Protein backbone atom coordinates (compact mmCIF):
# COMPACT_ATOMS: atom_id res chain seq x y z
CA MET A 1 3.40 -15.16 8.26
CA VAL A 2 0.81 -17.56 6.77
CA PRO A 3 2.47 -20.06 4.38
CA LEU A 4 1.33 -19.91 0.83
CA ARG A 5 -0.14 -23.36 1.00
CA THR A 6 -2.25 -22.28 3.99
CA VAL A 7 -3.40 -19.18 2.17
CA LEU A 8 -4.42 -21.16 -0.90
CA TRP A 9 -6.40 -23.75 1.18
CA LEU A 10 -8.10 -21.00 3.09
CA LEU A 11 -9.11 -19.17 -0.11
CA LEU A 12 -10.48 -22.42 -1.62
CA ALA A 13 -12.46 -23.09 1.52
CA VAL A 14 -13.91 -19.55 1.64
CA VAL A 15 -14.87 -19.58 -2.13
CA ALA A 16 -16.41 -23.01 -1.87
CA GLY A 17 -18.25 -22.21 1.24
CA SER A 18 -19.52 -18.77 0.15
CA THR A 19 -20.75 -19.51 -3.42
CA ILE A 20 -23.86 -21.43 -2.23
CA GLY A 21 -26.69 -19.08 -1.51
CA PHE A 22 -24.37 -16.05 -1.49
CA LYS A 23 -25.83 -12.81 -2.62
CA ILE A 24 -23.19 -10.50 -4.20
CA GLY A 25 -23.66 -6.91 -3.15
CA MET A 26 -22.33 -4.69 -5.86
CA PRO A 27 -21.44 -1.08 -5.12
CA GLY A 28 -24.51 0.78 -6.14
CA SER A 29 -26.98 -2.17 -5.92
CA ASP A 30 -28.23 -2.37 -2.33
CA ALA A 31 -28.10 -0.25 0.77
CA ALA A 32 -24.56 -0.37 2.15
CA PRO A 33 -22.87 -0.78 5.52
CA SER A 34 -21.75 1.61 8.29
CA ALA A 35 -18.66 3.12 10.26
CA ALA A 36 -16.80 4.73 13.35
CA PRO A 37 -13.32 4.48 14.95
CA VAL A 38 -12.24 0.91 15.95
CA GLN A 39 -12.66 0.43 19.77
CA ALA A 40 -9.74 -0.93 21.61
CA ALA A 41 -11.80 -2.91 24.10
CA LEU A 42 -14.04 -4.64 21.60
CA ALA A 43 -14.25 -8.34 22.52
CA HIS A 44 -15.22 -11.14 20.05
CA SER A 45 -18.96 -11.72 20.17
CA SER A 46 -20.07 -14.97 21.66
CA GLY A 47 -22.05 -16.21 18.68
CA LEU A 48 -23.02 -13.55 16.05
CA GLU A 49 -26.66 -13.71 17.09
CA PHE A 50 -27.95 -11.18 14.62
CA ALA A 51 -30.34 -11.80 11.77
CA PRO A 52 -28.53 -11.25 8.45
CA PRO A 53 -30.57 -9.06 6.12
CA THR A 54 -29.50 -11.27 3.16
CA GLY A 55 -30.96 -14.34 4.81
CA ARG A 56 -27.50 -15.96 4.61
CA PRO A 57 -26.76 -18.05 7.64
CA VAL A 58 -23.61 -16.81 9.47
CA THR A 59 -21.25 -19.34 11.07
CA PRO A 60 -18.48 -17.89 13.20
CA ARG A 61 -15.07 -18.73 12.01
CA GLY A 62 -11.69 -17.87 13.51
CA LEU A 63 -9.68 -14.88 12.18
CA ASP A 64 -6.23 -15.31 10.69
CA THR A 65 -4.42 -12.02 10.55
CA GLY A 66 -1.11 -13.49 9.06
CA GLY A 67 1.00 -11.73 11.64
CA PRO A 68 4.50 -12.99 12.60
CA SER A 69 5.33 -15.23 15.47
CA ALA A 70 8.12 -12.91 16.68
CA SER A 71 7.46 -10.80 19.70
CA PRO A 72 7.05 -7.07 19.18
CA GLY A 73 10.30 -5.06 19.49
CA LEU A 74 13.81 -4.79 17.97
CA GLN A 75 16.31 -7.66 17.50
CA PRO A 76 19.65 -7.45 15.90
CA LEU A 77 20.38 -9.83 12.93
CA SER A 78 23.55 -11.93 13.30
CA ARG A 79 24.54 -10.86 9.79
CA ALA A 80 25.00 -7.42 11.22
CA ALA A 81 28.35 -8.46 12.71
CA THR A 82 29.86 -8.82 9.23
CA ARG A 83 28.77 -5.33 8.15
CA SER A 84 29.12 -3.29 11.28
CA SER A 85 31.51 -3.54 14.29
CA SER A 86 28.60 -3.30 16.72
CA SER A 87 25.13 -4.56 17.38
CA SER A 88 23.25 -3.47 20.43
CA GLY A 89 20.26 -4.21 22.51
CA SER A 90 19.59 -6.68 25.22
CA SER A 91 18.09 -9.34 22.95
CA PRO A 92 20.44 -11.83 21.34
CA ALA A 93 21.20 -11.65 17.69
CA ILE A 94 19.10 -13.84 15.45
CA ASP A 95 20.07 -15.46 12.11
CA ALA A 96 18.46 -13.67 9.20
CA SER A 97 18.33 -16.92 7.28
CA ALA A 98 16.03 -18.42 9.87
CA ILE A 99 13.37 -15.77 9.41
CA GLY A 100 10.40 -16.97 7.39
CA PHE A 101 10.23 -14.08 4.91
CA SER A 102 8.15 -15.39 1.92
CA SER A 103 7.95 -12.94 -0.96
CA SER A 104 8.81 -12.38 -4.59
CA PHE A 105 10.94 -9.41 -3.52
CA ALA A 106 14.63 -9.31 -4.10
CA PRO A 107 16.26 -11.05 -1.11
CA ASP A 108 18.94 -8.37 -0.93
CA LEU A 109 18.59 -4.84 -2.11
CA SER A 110 21.53 -3.54 -0.10
CA PHE A 111 23.05 -1.96 -3.21
CA LEU A 112 20.30 0.72 -2.74
CA THR A 113 21.36 1.55 0.82
CA PHE A 114 23.89 4.29 -0.09
CA GLY A 115 22.57 5.18 -3.51
CA THR A 116 25.77 4.22 -5.27
CA GLY A 117 24.49 1.29 -7.42
CA GLU A 118 26.67 -1.10 -5.49
CA ALA A 119 26.78 -2.41 -2.00
CA ALA A 120 28.55 0.12 0.34
CA PRO A 121 32.11 -0.92 1.16
CA ALA A 122 33.34 -0.93 4.78
CA THR A 123 35.93 1.71 3.91
CA SER A 124 36.41 4.06 1.01
CA THR A 125 38.67 2.97 -1.90
CA ALA A 126 40.63 4.71 -4.64
CA SER A 127 38.80 5.27 -7.83
CA THR A 128 40.06 3.88 -11.10
CA ALA A 129 39.76 5.45 -14.66
CA PRO A 130 40.71 4.47 -18.21
CA PRO A 131 44.32 4.90 -19.28
CA GLY A 132 45.33 8.39 -20.27
CA THR A 133 42.89 10.14 -18.09
CA THR A 134 43.73 12.15 -15.04
CA THR A 135 42.25 10.94 -11.79
CA THR A 136 42.24 12.30 -8.25
CA THR A 137 42.72 9.64 -5.57
CA PRO A 138 40.48 10.23 -2.65
CA ALA A 139 42.27 11.00 0.58
CA ALA A 140 42.86 8.09 2.80
CA PRO A 141 40.51 7.61 5.70
CA THR A 142 41.67 9.91 8.60
CA GLY A 143 39.96 8.13 11.57
CA PRO A 144 38.43 4.91 12.67
CA PRO A 145 35.45 3.52 10.70
CA PRO A 146 32.00 4.34 12.07
CA GLU A 147 30.28 2.05 14.41
CA VAL A 148 26.46 1.84 15.13
CA LEU A 149 26.02 1.61 18.81
CA ASP A 150 23.28 1.53 21.50
CA VAL A 151 20.38 1.10 19.16
CA ARG A 152 17.17 1.51 21.11
CA THR A 153 13.41 1.70 20.55
CA VAL A 154 12.15 5.13 21.72
CA ALA A 155 8.59 4.51 20.62
CA LEU A 156 6.76 1.61 19.07
CA SER A 157 3.15 1.44 17.83
CA PRO A 158 1.30 -0.75 15.28
CA PHE A 159 1.94 2.04 12.68
CA ALA A 160 5.35 3.54 13.49
CA ALA A 161 8.65 3.13 15.27
CA THR A 162 11.10 5.68 16.50
CA LEU A 163 14.72 4.56 17.23
CA SER A 164 17.69 6.20 18.60
CA TRP A 165 21.34 5.15 18.39
CA ARG A 166 24.82 6.71 18.47
CA THR A 167 28.05 6.36 16.45
CA ASN A 168 31.63 6.42 17.63
CA VAL A 169 32.50 9.18 15.25
CA PRO A 170 30.49 12.07 13.80
CA ALA A 171 28.32 10.64 10.91
CA THR A 172 25.26 11.06 8.96
CA SER A 173 22.77 8.21 9.51
CA ARG A 174 19.59 6.82 8.09
CA LEU A 175 17.02 4.05 8.74
CA VAL A 176 16.46 1.97 5.61
CA TYR A 177 13.49 -0.61 6.06
CA GLY A 178 10.98 -2.95 4.33
CA LEU A 179 9.00 -5.99 4.87
CA ASP A 180 11.53 -8.31 3.03
CA SER A 181 14.24 -5.90 1.92
CA PRO A 182 15.06 -2.36 2.94
CA VAL A 183 13.33 -0.22 0.29
CA LEU A 184 12.32 2.84 2.30
CA TRP A 185 14.54 5.60 3.67
CA SER A 186 14.14 7.86 6.51
CA GLY A 187 15.70 11.36 6.11
CA PRO A 188 19.34 11.51 6.97
CA THR A 189 20.41 12.72 10.38
CA THR A 190 22.79 15.63 10.77
CA LEU A 191 26.45 15.02 11.19
CA SER A 192 26.68 13.95 14.83
CA THR A 193 27.36 11.08 17.16
CA THR A 194 23.71 10.88 18.38
CA HIS A 195 20.86 10.07 16.07
CA GLN A 196 17.13 9.49 16.05
CA ALA A 197 14.68 8.66 13.24
CA THR A 198 11.31 7.27 12.65
CA MET A 199 9.90 4.34 10.52
CA SER A 200 6.49 5.49 9.33
CA GLY A 201 3.68 3.78 7.46
CA LEU A 202 4.03 0.40 9.27
CA SER A 203 1.36 -2.28 9.61
CA PRO A 204 0.33 -4.00 12.84
CA SER A 205 1.87 -7.38 13.70
CA ARG A 206 4.47 -7.37 10.96
CA SER A 207 8.22 -7.93 10.91
CA TYR A 208 10.40 -5.49 8.98
CA ARG A 209 13.90 -5.70 7.88
CA LEU A 210 15.83 -2.66 9.09
CA ASP A 211 19.24 -1.31 8.14
CA ILE A 212 20.91 1.56 10.08
CA THR A 213 23.48 3.14 7.93
CA ALA A 214 26.28 5.53 8.99
CA ALA A 215 28.66 7.58 6.79
CA ALA A 216 31.50 9.45 8.28
CA GLN A 217 33.04 12.60 6.73
CA ASP A 218 36.00 10.66 5.38
CA GLY A 219 33.80 8.39 3.35
CA GLN A 220 33.80 5.34 5.56
CA THR A 221 30.52 3.58 6.11
CA ALA A 222 28.81 1.01 8.16
CA ILE A 223 25.47 -0.82 8.20
CA ALA A 224 23.89 -2.63 11.08
CA GLU A 225 20.99 -4.98 10.42
CA PHE A 226 17.92 -5.59 12.68
CA LEU A 227 14.42 -7.13 12.77
CA LEU A 228 11.64 -4.77 13.91
CA THR A 229 8.33 -6.32 14.76
CA THR A 230 5.28 -4.14 15.43
CA PRO A 231 2.62 -4.84 18.00
CA ALA A 232 -0.98 -5.76 17.22
CA VAL A 233 -3.65 -3.18 17.59
CA SER A 234 -4.74 -2.97 21.19
CA GLY A 235 -6.65 0.27 21.38
CA ALA A 236 -8.92 2.48 19.44
CA VAL A 237 -7.41 3.55 16.08
CA HIS A 238 -8.02 7.11 14.94
CA MET A 239 -8.63 7.34 11.10
CA SER A 240 -8.18 10.78 9.54
CA THR A 241 -6.93 12.38 6.37
CA GLY A 242 -4.08 14.74 5.73
CA GLY A 243 -1.45 15.61 3.08
CA GLY A 244 -3.46 13.69 0.43
CA ALA A 245 -3.28 10.41 2.51
CA ILE A 246 -5.50 8.26 4.73
CA LEU A 247 -3.93 8.26 8.25
CA LEU A 248 -4.09 5.80 11.05
CA ASP A 249 -3.11 7.40 14.34
CA GLY A 250 -1.41 10.10 12.35
CA GLN A 251 0.68 7.67 10.25
CA PRO A 252 0.26 7.19 6.50
CA SER A 253 -1.63 4.10 5.40
CA PHE A 254 -2.71 2.59 2.07
CA PRO A 255 -5.95 0.70 2.71
CA ARG A 256 -7.01 -2.36 0.72
CA LEU A 257 -10.79 -2.64 0.75
CA VAL A 258 -13.68 -5.02 -0.05
CA TRP A 259 -17.33 -4.31 -0.17
CA ASN A 260 -20.22 -5.73 1.81
CA GLN A 261 -18.42 -8.80 3.28
CA CYS A 262 -20.16 -11.08 5.81
CA PRO A 263 -18.32 -11.73 9.10
CA ASP A 264 -17.79 -15.44 8.47
CA ALA A 265 -15.96 -14.72 5.16
CA VAL A 266 -13.56 -12.13 6.30
CA ALA A 267 -10.80 -14.63 7.19
CA GLY A 268 -10.07 -15.25 3.49
CA ASN A 269 -9.96 -11.49 2.87
CA LEU A 270 -7.63 -10.88 5.83
CA ALA A 271 -5.31 -13.63 4.67
CA VAL A 272 -4.64 -11.84 1.31
CA GLY A 273 -4.06 -8.49 3.03
CA ILE A 274 -7.54 -6.81 3.16
CA ASP A 275 -7.53 -4.38 6.03
CA LEU A 276 -10.60 -2.12 5.49
CA PHE A 277 -14.18 -3.54 5.10
CA MET A 278 -16.64 -1.20 3.59
CA GLY A 279 -19.82 -2.44 5.23
CA ASN A 280 -21.20 -5.74 6.49
CA GLY A 281 -23.19 -7.80 4.02
CA CYS A 282 -24.93 -9.80 6.81
CA GLY A 283 -25.51 -7.21 9.53
CA THR A 284 -24.22 -3.78 10.78
CA ALA A 285 -20.86 -2.24 10.78
CA ALA A 286 -20.88 -2.26 14.52
CA GLN A 287 -21.32 -6.00 14.50
CA LEU A 288 -18.56 -6.58 12.07
CA ALA A 289 -16.20 -4.30 14.03
CA THR A 290 -16.84 -6.48 17.07
CA TRP A 291 -16.23 -9.61 15.16
CA LEU A 292 -12.93 -8.34 13.72
CA GLY A 293 -11.73 -7.23 17.18
CA GLY A 294 -8.94 -4.96 15.80
CA ALA A 295 -7.69 -7.31 13.07
CA ALA A 296 -9.01 -4.79 10.49
CA MET A 297 -11.20 -1.73 10.26
CA VAL A 298 -14.72 -1.08 9.01
CA LEU A 299 -16.53 1.77 7.32
CA ALA A 300 -20.23 2.16 8.21
CA ASN A 301 -23.18 3.61 6.29
CA ALA A 302 -23.19 7.34 7.00
CA ARG A 303 -27.01 7.17 7.21
CA HIS A 304 -27.17 4.46 9.91
CA SER A 305 -27.70 5.10 13.58
CA ALA A 306 -24.89 5.79 16.00
CA ALA A 307 -25.37 2.33 17.48
CA ASP A 308 -25.00 0.69 14.14
CA ARG A 309 -21.78 2.86 13.52
CA ASN A 310 -20.15 2.04 16.80
CA GLY A 311 -16.67 0.60 16.42
CA ALA A 312 -16.23 1.61 12.84
CA SER A 313 -13.26 3.87 11.64
CA GLY A 314 -15.16 6.06 9.14
CA VAL A 315 -18.36 6.18 7.08
CA HIS A 316 -19.25 5.73 3.48
CA LEU A 317 -21.71 7.86 1.60
CA PRO A 318 -24.44 6.44 -0.66
CA ASP A 319 -22.82 4.12 -3.19
CA GLU A 320 -22.52 5.39 -6.72
CA TRP A 321 -24.56 8.45 -5.46
CA ASP A 322 -24.06 10.28 -8.74
CA THR A 323 -26.30 7.87 -10.65
CA GLY A 324 -29.66 9.50 -9.79
CA LEU A 325 -28.82 13.05 -8.84
CA PRO A 326 -29.75 16.11 -10.73
CA ASN A 327 -27.04 17.97 -12.65
CA ASP A 328 -27.19 20.97 -10.35
CA PHE A 329 -26.69 18.94 -7.07
CA SER A 330 -24.41 20.93 -4.90
CA LEU A 331 -22.32 20.59 -1.67
CA GLU A 332 -25.17 22.08 0.28
CA ASP A 333 -27.56 19.56 -1.12
CA ALA A 334 -25.15 16.74 -0.28
CA LEU A 335 -24.71 17.93 3.35
CA ARG A 336 -28.52 18.28 3.75
CA ALA A 337 -28.95 14.69 2.47
CA VAL A 338 -26.23 13.20 4.60
CA PRO A 339 -25.25 15.67 7.40
CA LEU A 340 -21.85 15.66 8.91
CA THR A 341 -21.60 13.60 12.09
CA PRO A 342 -18.81 14.69 14.51
CA GLY A 343 -16.56 11.96 15.45
CA SER A 344 -17.70 9.46 12.76
CA GLY A 345 -14.41 9.53 10.86
CA PRO A 346 -13.59 10.21 7.24
CA ARG A 347 -16.37 10.08 4.68
CA PHE A 348 -15.68 7.79 1.74
CA LEU A 349 -17.66 8.05 -1.54
CA THR A 350 -17.72 5.69 -4.48
CA LEU A 351 -18.69 7.29 -7.82
CA THR A 352 -19.55 5.70 -11.07
CA ASN A 353 -17.05 6.12 -13.95
CA HIS A 354 -19.30 8.77 -15.69
CA PHE A 355 -17.15 11.63 -14.32
CA TYR A 356 -14.26 10.33 -16.53
CA SER A 357 -13.68 12.56 -19.65
CA ARG A 358 -13.58 9.50 -21.95
CA ALA A 359 -16.70 7.84 -20.57
CA GLU A 360 -20.25 8.64 -21.40
CA PRO A 361 -21.65 11.28 -19.17
CA LEU A 362 -24.92 10.51 -17.24
CA PRO A 363 -28.01 11.58 -19.05
CA GLN A 364 -28.47 14.53 -16.72
CA GLY A 365 -24.81 15.65 -17.25
CA ARG A 366 -21.67 15.95 -15.01
CA GLY A 367 -22.63 19.06 -13.00
CA MET A 368 -23.06 17.14 -9.68
CA TYR A 369 -19.44 15.98 -9.44
CA PRO A 370 -17.78 19.11 -7.91
CA GLY A 371 -20.42 19.12 -5.02
CA LEU A 372 -20.16 15.38 -4.48
CA ALA A 373 -16.28 15.52 -4.36
CA ALA A 374 -16.42 18.36 -1.89
CA SER A 375 -18.76 16.34 0.43
CA ALA A 376 -16.25 13.50 0.82
CA ASP A 377 -12.94 13.21 2.50
CA VAL A 378 -11.86 10.19 0.40
CA LEU A 379 -13.10 9.86 -3.22
CA GLY A 380 -13.21 6.65 -5.21
CA PHE A 381 -14.89 5.06 -8.25
CA ASP A 382 -15.49 1.96 -10.18
CA LEU A 383 -14.44 1.47 -13.82
CA TYR A 384 -14.34 -2.16 -14.91
CA PRO A 385 -13.06 -2.43 -18.53
CA LEU A 386 -13.66 -6.14 -18.79
CA GLN A 387 -16.78 -6.68 -16.77
CA ASN A 388 -18.72 -3.48 -17.21
CA TRP A 389 -17.54 -2.18 -20.58
CA CYS A 390 -16.96 -5.65 -21.96
CA ARG A 391 -13.76 -4.46 -23.56
CA TRP A 392 -10.82 -6.82 -24.05
CA ASP A 393 -8.04 -4.29 -24.15
CA SER A 394 -9.03 -0.96 -22.57
CA PHE A 395 -6.78 -1.13 -19.48
CA HIS A 396 -5.29 2.27 -20.21
CA ASP A 397 -8.55 3.73 -19.07
CA VAL A 398 -7.88 2.53 -15.56
CA PHE A 399 -4.88 4.87 -15.56
CA ASP A 400 -6.33 7.75 -17.37
CA SER A 401 -9.50 7.84 -15.30
CA GLN A 402 -7.50 7.84 -12.06
CA ILE A 403 -5.74 10.94 -13.33
CA ASP A 404 -9.08 12.53 -13.92
CA LEU A 405 -10.29 11.59 -10.36
CA VAL A 406 -7.10 13.03 -8.72
CA SER A 407 -7.95 16.29 -10.48
CA LEU A 408 -11.58 16.21 -9.26
CA ALA A 409 -10.51 15.36 -5.72
CA ARG A 410 -8.36 18.43 -5.43
CA GLY A 411 -5.74 17.08 -3.01
CA LYS A 412 -7.99 14.55 -1.16
CA PRO A 413 -6.98 10.88 -1.07
CA THR A 414 -8.46 8.72 -3.78
CA PHE A 415 -9.15 5.05 -4.40
CA GLN A 416 -10.25 2.81 -7.17
CA TRP A 417 -12.15 -0.49 -7.28
CA ILE A 418 -10.42 -3.33 -9.22
CA GLU A 419 -12.46 -6.03 -10.94
CA ALA A 420 -11.61 -9.39 -9.48
CA ARG A 421 -13.87 -11.89 -11.16
CA ARG A 422 -16.69 -12.34 -13.67
CA MET A 423 -19.81 -10.16 -13.08
CA ASP A 424 -21.53 -8.75 -16.16
CA CYS A 425 -19.69 -9.67 -19.27
CA THR A 426 -19.27 -13.26 -20.56
CA GLY A 427 -16.50 -14.66 -22.69
CA GLU A 428 -13.22 -16.26 -21.70
CA GLN A 429 -11.19 -13.16 -22.74
CA LEU A 430 -13.20 -10.94 -20.52
CA ASP A 431 -12.69 -12.89 -17.23
CA PRO A 432 -10.45 -11.22 -14.79
CA THR A 433 -7.20 -13.11 -14.25
CA PRO A 434 -4.21 -12.68 -11.96
CA GLU A 435 -2.51 -10.73 -14.71
CA THR A 436 -5.46 -8.34 -15.25
CA VAL A 437 -5.94 -7.79 -11.50
CA ARG A 438 -2.32 -7.00 -11.00
CA ALA A 439 -2.06 -4.65 -14.04
CA GLU A 440 -5.19 -2.76 -13.10
CA THR A 441 -4.16 -2.35 -9.46
CA TRP A 442 -0.76 -0.86 -10.35
CA LEU A 443 -2.24 1.30 -13.18
CA ALA A 444 -4.55 2.81 -10.60
CA ILE A 445 -1.63 3.40 -8.14
CA ALA A 446 0.57 4.84 -10.96
CA GLY A 447 -2.27 7.29 -11.66
CA GLY A 448 -2.35 8.46 -8.06
CA ALA A 449 -4.64 6.07 -6.03
CA HIS A 450 -3.91 6.03 -2.38
CA ALA A 451 -6.16 3.07 -1.70
CA ILE A 452 -7.38 0.03 -3.64
CA GLY A 453 -10.62 -1.94 -3.42
CA TYR A 454 -11.26 -5.44 -4.91
CA PHE A 455 -14.72 -6.26 -6.16
CA PRO A 456 -16.59 -8.41 -5.67
CA ASN A 457 -15.45 -9.62 -2.31
CA ASN A 458 -14.56 -13.18 -3.38
CA TRP A 459 -12.52 -14.55 -6.24
CA THR A 460 -10.67 -17.66 -7.50
CA ALA A 461 -7.73 -19.07 -5.63
CA ALA A 462 -5.33 -17.95 -8.36
CA VAL A 463 -6.68 -14.31 -8.28
CA GLY A 464 -6.40 -14.54 -4.45
CA THR A 465 -2.74 -15.49 -4.66
CA GLU A 466 -2.06 -12.53 -6.90
CA ILE A 467 -3.96 -10.11 -4.62
CA ALA A 468 -1.87 -11.41 -1.65
CA ARG A 469 1.32 -10.73 -3.58
CA THR A 470 0.39 -7.29 -4.76
CA ASN A 471 -1.03 -6.28 -1.37
CA ARG A 472 2.24 -7.30 0.20
CA GLU A 473 4.16 -5.11 -2.13
CA ILE A 474 1.85 -2.19 -1.41
CA ARG A 475 2.28 -2.75 2.25
CA ALA A 476 6.04 -2.62 1.85
CA LEU A 477 5.98 0.77 0.11
CA VAL A 478 3.21 2.61 1.91
CA PRO A 479 5.04 5.90 2.91
CA ALA A 480 6.31 6.25 -0.76
CA LEU A 481 3.05 5.35 -2.50
CA VAL A 482 0.99 7.95 -0.65
CA GLU A 483 3.36 10.75 -1.70
CA PRO A 484 2.02 13.06 -4.38
CA ASN A 485 2.91 12.14 -8.04
CA ILE A 486 5.97 13.87 -9.33
CA ALA A 487 6.62 14.60 -13.06
CA ALA A 488 6.73 11.41 -15.14
CA SER A 489 6.09 10.86 -18.80
CA VAL A 490 6.39 8.13 -21.52
CA ALA A 491 7.36 8.57 -24.99
CA PRO A 492 4.36 9.04 -27.41
CA GLY A 493 2.81 5.95 -28.92
CA SER A 494 3.92 3.62 -25.97
CA TYR A 495 1.27 1.38 -24.38
CA VAL A 496 3.17 1.75 -21.14
CA LYS A 497 1.79 3.99 -18.43
CA ALA A 498 3.99 5.41 -15.68
CA GLY A 499 3.74 7.43 -12.47
CA ALA A 500 6.35 8.42 -9.93
CA ARG A 501 6.77 9.41 -6.34
CA ALA A 502 9.69 10.77 -4.29
CA HIS A 503 10.16 9.95 -0.62
CA ASN A 504 13.08 11.22 1.48
CA GLY A 505 15.21 11.55 -1.57
CA ALA A 506 14.42 8.12 -3.12
CA VAL A 507 12.40 7.82 -6.29
CA TYR A 508 9.84 5.24 -7.03
CA VAL A 509 8.63 4.68 -10.68
CA ILE A 510 5.58 2.61 -11.23
CA ALA A 511 5.30 1.35 -14.92
CA VAL A 512 2.68 -0.87 -16.37
CA ASN A 513 2.18 -2.21 -19.86
CA ALA A 514 -1.58 -1.53 -20.49
CA SER A 515 -1.70 -3.86 -23.45
CA ARG A 516 -1.88 -7.60 -24.02
CA GLY A 517 1.16 -7.53 -26.27
CA ALA A 518 4.84 -6.95 -25.44
CA SER A 519 5.83 -3.31 -25.51
CA SER A 520 8.84 -1.14 -24.78
CA ALA A 521 9.00 2.44 -23.35
CA THR A 522 11.24 5.37 -22.68
CA ILE A 523 10.23 6.74 -19.36
CA THR A 524 11.26 10.19 -18.26
CA VAL A 525 11.39 11.25 -14.60
CA PRO A 526 13.57 14.29 -14.26
CA ALA A 527 14.11 13.68 -10.48
CA LEU A 528 16.10 10.53 -11.43
CA ALA A 529 18.92 12.34 -13.02
CA ASP A 530 21.60 9.78 -13.68
CA ARG A 531 20.70 7.21 -10.96
CA MET A 532 20.50 3.48 -11.13
CA LEU A 533 17.12 1.73 -10.50
CA ARG A 534 16.19 -1.78 -9.65
CA THR A 535 12.73 -3.29 -9.57
CA LEU A 536 11.10 -4.36 -6.31
CA ASP A 537 11.38 -8.01 -7.33
CA GLY A 538 15.08 -7.57 -8.06
CA LEU A 539 14.77 -8.95 -11.63
CA HIS A 540 15.50 -5.81 -13.61
CA THR A 541 18.18 -3.10 -13.29
CA VAL A 542 18.33 -0.04 -15.47
CA ALA A 543 20.38 3.13 -15.43
CA ALA A 544 18.70 6.50 -16.02
CA SER A 545 20.58 9.11 -18.04
CA GLY A 546 19.38 12.70 -17.85
CA GLY A 547 16.29 11.51 -16.11
CA SER A 548 15.25 8.93 -18.66
CA PHE A 549 15.58 5.19 -19.07
CA THR A 550 14.28 2.56 -21.59
CA ASP A 551 12.99 -0.91 -20.85
CA ALA A 552 10.86 -3.64 -22.35
CA PHE A 553 7.78 -5.13 -20.79
CA GLY A 554 5.69 -8.27 -21.31
CA PRO A 555 1.88 -8.25 -21.72
CA LEU A 556 0.21 -6.49 -18.85
CA GLU A 557 3.47 -6.53 -16.94
CA ALA A 558 3.66 -4.11 -13.93
CA ARG A 559 6.99 -3.07 -12.29
CA VAL A 560 7.98 -0.79 -9.47
CA TYR A 561 11.43 0.66 -9.92
CA ILE A 562 13.37 2.04 -7.01
CA ALA A 563 16.27 4.54 -7.02
CA ALA A 564 17.99 5.20 -3.73
CA PRO A 565 18.49 8.75 -2.50
CA ALA A 566 21.24 10.57 -4.58
């Protein structure tokens, strides 16, 4: 992992080096880049000897993927010995305190592991009740406590890991994992002494904290703790779509995009967690894919030649295509204009905001949107309340427009571009800040976005630090965030917007104060029932009653609440 100081210096260097003579390519302004699946054997080019169409000189710079120094594979944490009577594997146990996890996440969310609101005890205990009430003391344990034994890696890729293990007594078992704290659950295994489960939605070259939990029939429990490090990408990655998500080798992903970046500036984007580049501002997508060498993926212009699309993971359709189209533009018209190309990967399309029910329609109307949506595999748009509408406090539109886009997409994955610095509107109160970038990003995700883009492709160091933090949180929650939205509502009159997902029995509530003043809200998510929730940063704990809870929020504050499986 790259230290924060290194990230900040890197961002400063990139911003300083790229502001001179740098032409900003806005979605919709110039012809965009190109795409196709990332090739495994692509080697770094010797010198980027292509002529940039912008006239900007390109100087090769090394790539920094921010991956861990640990070798790929599974290692037990020494702390496991205090919570489980067994750790297994041939590698020696390592001290969890020596691992360089660096994040704002809670250092310990073990209270979530069993869904009780407290850390799971090693053995069951008798319950207590107020005087004068009748209680039933649980039966004493009838056998030995469970032990987690012979933990092995069955399969390991950059995007998933399948583990097997056994327990000394019949038990149900789960994997609970996350980048800094275990916040994602696999489904429970059946009552048995042999177990297998998969960690999905992982990222290449990342280290994950992993708990393996076991619960016997008599109530006794055990937790064994591990570190799982994924390998780097070493072969072609197949991008596809399915179940409303963008898939990498069949595993759910949550891409973080930038538009039209030049190869010598991608290092700063990689350092803050960008993993998908929509085009090359100084050449072709094929050249950028070669330059990246598997560190991230590229989307190519769907109209470019096969040679210019070589090495890309997908394609993008004409940017803001809706702007100049007739009202009766149909799917057939779209496919004639940009025919389908077998093997070129998913088709991404960025629309303007004029499809949104609260935005002004285009002069010719909104009749082209169903055909455009049908022509794409992944549908996105740009709505910049500060830097396009010049509105100081219209952040709620980021959420509401995303809801409209999800409806238009009809089950396809969606994304939204987030304004990251000054573009069109002047005035100090209209400049994007770390707070506005964070709020807009989580408002889009709460509304159902399954990918996020940041525009333009460069920003201040302060905004870059926030993008890095937000992207790390997104990366930690990928399998949950790409689930379909479940029922969630906020009491009328509140400025807080909320969305919720359910994943393997856990519930994730995303709540954002869409105003610049403090606000409170009662949030209702029926799936919560009476569960306890804690925020991803560990700073807030609330208890739901009948599926509802109330909390207070600072200006533009965004929170992700997590409730363990019931």
